[in-house]
Amino acid sequence: MKKLILFVTFLIFTTAILISCSKKDQPGPVINPTPPSTETPLSATLFDELNETIARFDPLYLQIVYKDKRSKAEIIKEATRLVIAINQNPTSLVIQNALTDLYHFKNFADLQIASNTISKNSYELKKRILDNDNVLSVAKLNQLNEARNNFLKNKISTLAKATQRTSSGLWQDNAAWILDQFHYYSQVGNLEMGFDLDGATAGNECNESCCFEYKACQTNAVTNYRQHIVFWTVGGILSGTSAGFAAGTIIPLVGNFYGAAYGGWLAGTAGYVLAINTYMNDLNICVLNYKACILKKNGN
């Protein structure tokens, strides 16, 4: 009897071991690894950082945030002169200080950091956008426009909420700055996307051919401007034809600018000055073409 009990115990123990081993040999459930989350190249952090940094060199930003009383054309003319000068004489403290004062940086080193940020981020974005292509496809161009639009919408929305907080007594020290930022991005949104200050689509629909042509011209100018921000601030400029200038665009000092400023010490700043200058000229051409269209339509 005792031997029988021992035998049964041995069988139970052996069976348990075999079951255990068979379970260890069985493959576990197949779990597909979660693919790494990859940001869309144009919605990445560096794209937002690029857009925030170029704002510091926008004449409209200087007018709204820093209360510069000069016209945009006057600001751009001065910026062009100083960028050319700094590339001709990069160690001049007089020119460095003039640039620092123009753009309201604490010191010239901070301005250089901002300019380098523009160049670095633009270079990375350019590689991601173009890949192995030489020009933007329609799909990539749409991606660029969508990313810029989303950036502006998010900025306006965030700053709008911040202004509400300031009115309720919070962040009083930054209230004026927040309001100025909100007004700046709202105006940029209005210029580039036809938005009112609250972010709603402006009610200025066209009902005749000259207006349609004018709107199309504006859209083309905005699209070119957005491309120029990425492509011109890295040090490798496109030709006027490939860049898509509006017909008849005239860029003041452009000859000197190409030869003496572009791609120099402040490549990011210089590229943006050229981009915003071209953008303003393109918009002016749109206005002139619209007026000419109206005159022709009226038989004049």
Protein backbone atom coordinates (compact mmCIF):
# COMPACT_ATOMS: atom_id res chain seq x y z
CA MET A 1 0.00 0.00 0.00
CA LYS A 2 2.80 2.34 0.94
CA LYS A 3 4.53 1.63 -2.39
CA LEU A 4 1.29 2.37 -4.27
CA ILE A 5 0.94 5.74 -2.56
CA LEU A 6 4.53 6.63 -3.41
CA PHE A 7 3.98 5.58 -7.04
CA VAL A 8 0.84 7.71 -7.38
CA THR A 9 2.63 10.68 -5.81
CA PHE A 10 5.48 10.22 -8.26
CA LEU A 11 3.06 10.21 -11.20
CA ILE A 12 1.32 13.38 -10.01
CA PHE A 13 4.65 15.17 -9.52
CA THR A 14 5.94 14.08 -12.94
CA THR A 15 2.71 15.14 -14.65
CA ALA A 16 2.90 18.57 -12.99
CA ILE A 17 6.48 19.05 -14.22
CA LEU A 18 5.55 18.04 -17.78
CA ILE A 19 2.57 20.42 -17.81
CA SER A 20 4.74 23.21 -16.48
CA CYS A 21 7.41 22.61 -19.11
CA SER A 22 4.86 22.45 -21.91
CA LYS A 23 3.44 25.82 -20.83
CA LYS A 24 6.90 27.37 -20.86
CA ASP A 25 7.47 26.09 -24.38
CA GLN A 26 4.18 27.49 -25.65
CA PRO A 27 4.57 30.81 -27.45
CA GLY A 28 2.81 33.72 -25.76
CA PRO A 29 0.24 35.87 -27.50
CA VAL A 30 1.65 37.83 -30.41
CA ILE A 31 1.62 41.55 -29.54
CA ASN A 32 2.55 43.90 -32.30
CA PRO A 33 4.82 46.62 -30.95
CA THR A 34 3.26 50.07 -30.94
CA PRO A 35 4.81 52.01 -33.78
CA PRO A 36 6.74 55.04 -32.60
CA SER A 37 4.72 58.22 -32.81
CA THR A 38 6.20 60.32 -35.55
CA GLU A 39 5.24 63.95 -35.92
CA THR A 40 4.29 65.27 -39.30
CA PRO A 41 7.44 67.13 -40.39
CA LEU A 42 5.62 70.44 -40.66
CA SER A 43 3.78 70.17 -37.37
CA ALA A 44 6.93 69.34 -35.45
CA THR A 45 8.29 71.46 -32.64
CA LEU A 46 10.99 72.94 -34.84
CA PHE A 47 8.35 74.30 -37.23
CA ASP A 48 6.59 76.11 -34.39
CA GLU A 49 9.93 77.38 -33.10
CA LEU A 50 10.79 78.65 -36.57
CA ASN A 51 7.51 80.54 -36.86
CA GLU A 52 7.84 82.05 -33.39
CA THR A 53 11.41 83.16 -34.05
CA ILE A 54 10.79 84.80 -37.42
CA ALA A 55 8.07 86.89 -35.80
CA ARG A 56 10.80 88.78 -33.94
CA PHE A 57 12.06 90.08 -37.30
CA ASP A 58 8.65 90.93 -38.76
CA PRO A 59 8.13 94.70 -39.21
CA LEU A 60 4.51 94.25 -38.16
CA TYR A 61 5.72 92.68 -34.90
CA LEU A 62 7.98 95.66 -34.29
CA GLN A 63 5.08 98.02 -34.91
CA ILE A 64 2.59 96.27 -32.64
CA VAL A 65 4.72 94.84 -29.85
CA TYR A 66 7.50 97.43 -29.69
CA LYS A 67 5.48 100.42 -30.93
CA ASP A 68 7.83 101.24 -33.80
CA LYS A 69 6.27 104.26 -35.52
CA ARG A 70 7.99 103.74 -38.86
CA SER A 71 6.23 102.18 -41.83
CA LYS A 72 6.93 98.58 -42.76
CA ALA A 73 8.83 99.75 -45.83
CA GLU A 74 11.02 102.02 -43.70
CA ILE A 75 11.74 99.22 -41.22
CA ILE A 76 12.65 96.78 -43.99
CA LYS A 77 14.87 99.35 -45.69
CA GLU A 78 16.77 99.90 -42.43
CA ALA A 79 17.00 96.16 -41.77
CA THR A 80 18.36 95.56 -45.27
CA ARG A 81 20.96 98.27 -44.84
CA LEU A 82 22.12 96.88 -41.50
CA VAL A 83 22.24 93.25 -42.64
CA ILE A 84 24.38 94.24 -45.61
CA ALA A 85 26.60 96.32 -43.33
CA ILE A 86 27.09 93.56 -40.74
CA ASN A 87 28.24 91.15 -43.43
CA GLN A 88 30.71 93.68 -44.75
CA ASN A 89 31.97 94.53 -41.27
CA PRO A 90 30.89 91.77 -38.82
CA THR A 91 32.95 93.04 -35.89
CA SER A 92 31.51 96.58 -35.92
CA LEU A 93 29.95 97.25 -32.53
CA VAL A 94 28.04 100.18 -34.00
CA ILE A 95 26.27 97.96 -36.53
CA GLN A 96 25.75 95.16 -34.02
CA ASN A 97 24.15 97.58 -31.58
CA ALA A 98 21.99 99.09 -34.31
CA LEU A 99 20.64 95.65 -35.26
CA THR A 100 20.11 94.77 -31.61
CA ASP A 101 18.17 97.99 -31.06
CA LEU A 102 16.14 97.60 -34.24
CA TYR A 103 14.87 94.15 -33.25
CA HIS A 104 14.80 94.81 -29.48
CA PHE A 105 17.07 91.99 -28.35
CA LYS A 106 18.93 92.21 -25.05
CA ASN A 107 22.25 91.89 -26.84
CA PHE A 108 23.71 90.97 -30.20
CA ALA A 109 24.50 87.43 -29.05
CA ASP A 110 20.79 86.79 -28.48
CA LEU A 111 20.02 88.12 -31.95
CA GLN A 112 22.62 85.75 -33.42
CA ILE A 113 21.06 82.83 -31.55
CA ALA A 114 17.65 83.70 -33.00
CA SER A 115 19.08 84.02 -36.51
CA ASN A 116 20.86 80.67 -36.16
CA THR A 117 17.65 79.06 -34.91
CA ILE A 118 15.90 80.20 -38.08
CA SER A 119 18.67 78.82 -40.29
CA LYS A 120 18.96 75.52 -38.41
CA ASN A 121 15.24 74.81 -38.29
CA SER A 122 14.73 75.85 -41.90
CA TYR A 123 17.52 73.53 -42.98
CA GLU A 124 15.95 70.57 -41.18
CA LEU A 125 12.50 71.36 -42.56
CA LYS A 126 13.87 71.82 -46.06
CA LYS A 127 15.44 68.34 -45.92
CA ARG A 128 12.18 66.80 -44.70
CA ILE A 129 9.97 68.66 -47.15
CA LEU A 130 12.05 68.14 -50.27
CA ASP A 131 13.38 64.68 -49.50
CA ASN A 132 14.92 63.80 -52.87
CA ASP A 133 12.89 66.33 -54.86
CA ASN A 134 14.09 69.69 -56.12
CA VAL A 135 10.74 71.45 -55.95
CA LEU A 136 7.68 71.15 -53.76
CA SER A 137 4.90 68.90 -54.98
CA VAL A 138 1.31 70.09 -54.65
CA ALA A 139 0.81 67.72 -51.71
CA LYS A 140 3.85 69.06 -49.85
CA LEU A 141 2.89 72.62 -50.62
CA ASN A 142 -0.56 71.96 -49.16
CA GLN A 143 1.10 70.42 -46.13
CA LEU A 144 3.19 73.53 -45.65
CA ASN A 145 0.14 75.80 -45.91
CA GLU A 146 -1.89 73.64 -43.56
CA ALA A 147 0.90 73.58 -40.98
CA ARG A 148 1.30 77.37 -41.09
CA ASN A 149 -2.47 77.86 -40.82
CA ASN A 150 -2.66 75.51 -37.84
CA PHE A 151 0.22 77.31 -36.16
CA LEU A 152 -1.53 80.66 -36.52
CA LYS A 153 -4.90 79.30 -35.38
CA ASN A 154 -3.35 77.70 -32.30
CA LYS A 155 -1.44 80.87 -31.47
CA ILE A 156 -4.52 83.06 -31.78
CA SER A 157 -6.61 80.65 -29.70
CA THR A 158 -3.99 80.32 -26.95
CA LEU A 159 -3.42 84.06 -26.73
CA ALA A 160 -7.16 84.74 -26.75
CA LYS A 161 -7.54 82.53 -23.68
CA ALA A 162 -4.56 84.25 -22.08
CA THR A 163 -6.14 87.67 -22.59
CA GLN A 164 -9.23 86.44 -20.73
CA ARG A 165 -7.04 85.42 -17.82
CA THR A 166 -5.40 88.82 -17.72
CA SER A 167 -8.78 90.54 -17.64
CA SER A 168 -9.74 88.43 -14.62
CA GLY A 169 -6.78 89.72 -12.66
CA LEU A 170 -4.18 87.01 -13.39
CA TRP A 171 -0.75 87.57 -14.95
CA GLN A 172 -1.12 91.33 -14.73
CA ASP A 173 2.61 91.84 -15.26
CA ASN A 174 2.36 90.27 -18.72
CA ALA A 175 -1.07 91.59 -19.65
CA ALA A 176 0.15 94.25 -22.11
CA TRP A 177 2.62 91.85 -23.74
CA ILE A 178 -0.04 89.14 -24.13
CA LEU A 179 -2.48 91.59 -25.70
CA ASP A 180 0.18 92.83 -28.12
CA GLN A 181 1.05 89.24 -29.08
CA PHE A 182 -2.63 88.49 -29.62
CA HIS A 183 -3.09 91.55 -31.81
CA TYR A 184 0.02 90.70 -33.82
CA TYR A 185 -0.93 87.08 -34.57
CA SER A 186 -4.53 88.09 -35.22
CA GLN A 187 -3.42 90.57 -37.85
CA VAL A 188 -1.08 88.00 -39.39
CA GLY A 189 -3.98 85.56 -39.48
CA ASN A 190 -6.12 88.20 -41.14
CA LEU A 191 -3.44 88.92 -43.74
CA GLU A 192 -2.61 85.31 -44.54
CA MET A 193 -5.95 83.56 -44.05
CA GLY A 194 -8.60 86.28 -44.22
CA PHE A 195 -9.40 86.02 -40.53
CA ASP A 196 -10.97 88.66 -38.33
CA LEU A 197 -9.51 89.34 -34.90
CA ASP A 198 -11.56 86.58 -33.31
CA GLY A 199 -10.31 84.02 -35.82
CA ALA A 200 -13.55 83.85 -37.78
CA THR A 201 -13.50 84.03 -41.56
CA ALA A 202 -13.88 87.59 -42.70
CA GLY A 203 -17.06 88.32 -44.62
CA ASN A 204 -15.56 89.87 -47.74
CA GLU A 205 -16.59 87.44 -50.46
CA CYS A 206 -15.96 88.38 -54.07
CA ASN A 207 -18.72 88.89 -56.61
CA GLU A 208 -16.80 90.11 -59.67
CA SER A 209 -13.78 89.03 -61.72
CA CYS A 210 -11.28 91.68 -60.58
CA CYS A 211 -11.86 90.75 -56.95
CA PHE A 212 -11.37 87.06 -57.72
CA GLU A 213 -8.09 87.84 -59.46
CA TYR A 214 -7.02 89.97 -56.50
CA LYS A 215 -7.78 87.20 -54.00
CA ALA A 216 -5.92 84.67 -56.13
CA CYS A 217 -2.94 87.00 -56.29
CA GLN A 218 -2.96 87.42 -52.52
CA THR A 219 -3.15 83.66 -52.01
CA ASN A 220 -0.21 83.16 -54.36
CA ALA A 221 1.80 85.81 -52.50
CA VAL A 222 1.11 84.14 -49.14
CA THR A 223 2.04 80.70 -50.48
CA ASN A 224 5.31 82.01 -51.93
CA TYR A 225 6.10 83.82 -48.69
CA ARG A 226 5.67 80.61 -46.69
CA GLN A 227 7.99 78.77 -49.03
CA HIS A 228 10.56 81.55 -48.86
CA ILE A 229 10.60 81.40 -45.06
CA VAL A 230 11.77 77.81 -45.21
CA PHE A 231 13.94 77.94 -48.32
CA TRP A 232 15.60 81.34 -48.15
CA THR A 233 16.69 81.35 -44.51
CA VAL A 234 19.09 78.43 -44.87
CA GLY A 235 21.60 80.11 -47.18
CA GLY A 236 20.59 78.68 -50.56
CA ILE A 237 18.28 81.01 -52.44
CA LEU A 238 16.00 80.07 -55.30
CA SER A 239 15.82 82.08 -58.47
CA GLY A 240 12.99 84.54 -58.87
CA THR A 241 11.30 82.39 -61.50
CA SER A 242 11.39 79.16 -59.53
CA ALA A 243 10.38 80.94 -56.35
CA GLY A 244 7.20 82.21 -57.98
CA PHE A 245 7.46 85.98 -57.73
CA ALA A 246 4.36 87.94 -58.61
CA ALA A 247 4.64 89.43 -62.07
CA GLY A 248 6.39 92.78 -62.01
CA THR A 249 7.74 92.49 -58.47
CA ILE A 250 10.48 94.98 -57.70
CA ILE A 251 12.65 94.39 -54.63
CA PRO A 252 14.51 97.49 -53.43
CA LEU A 253 18.26 96.95 -53.04
CA VAL A 254 17.88 93.38 -54.21
CA GLY A 255 21.10 93.41 -56.22
CA ASN A 256 23.15 94.58 -53.28
CA PHE A 257 21.23 92.27 -50.99
CA TYR A 258 22.05 89.14 -52.98
CA GLY A 259 25.69 90.07 -53.33
CA ALA A 260 26.48 91.52 -49.92
CA ALA A 261 24.01 90.16 -47.40
CA TYR A 262 22.44 86.85 -48.24
CA GLY A 263 24.00 83.79 -46.61
CA GLY A 264 26.44 85.82 -44.53
CA TRP A 265 26.81 86.21 -40.81
CA LEU A 266 23.08 86.40 -40.13
CA ALA A 267 21.78 84.05 -42.82
CA GLY A 268 18.51 83.40 -41.01
CA THR A 269 17.80 87.08 -40.46
CA ALA A 270 18.93 88.07 -43.96
CA GLY A 271 16.81 85.37 -45.58
CA TYR A 272 13.75 86.45 -43.66
CA VAL A 273 14.27 90.14 -44.43
CA LEU A 274 14.34 89.19 -48.11
CA ALA A 275 11.27 86.95 -47.71
CA ILE A 276 9.15 89.59 -45.98
CA ASN A 277 10.36 92.25 -48.42
CA THR A 278 9.33 90.09 -51.37
CA TYR A 279 6.00 89.31 -49.72
CA MET A 280 5.17 92.98 -49.24
CA ASN A 281 6.13 93.77 -52.82
CA ASP A 282 4.01 90.89 -54.09
CA LEU A 283 1.01 92.21 -52.12
CA ASN A 284 1.58 95.68 -53.53
CA ILE A 285 1.60 94.21 -57.03
CA CYS A 286 -1.73 92.53 -56.25
CA VAL A 287 -3.21 95.90 -55.30
CA LEU A 288 -1.86 97.59 -58.43
CA ASN A 289 -3.14 94.79 -60.66
CA TYR A 290 -6.56 95.02 -59.00
CA LYS A 291 -6.75 98.76 -59.61
CA ALA A 292 -5.68 98.26 -63.22
CA CYS A 293 -8.35 95.58 -63.64
CA ILE A 294 -11.05 97.90 -62.30
CA LEU A 295 -9.95 100.74 -64.59
CA LYS A 296 -9.94 98.44 -67.59
CA LYS A 297 -13.34 97.04 -66.63
CA ASN A 298 -14.75 100.56 -66.43
CA GLY A 299 -13.36 101.39 -69.87
CA ASN A 300 -10.62 103.71 -68.66
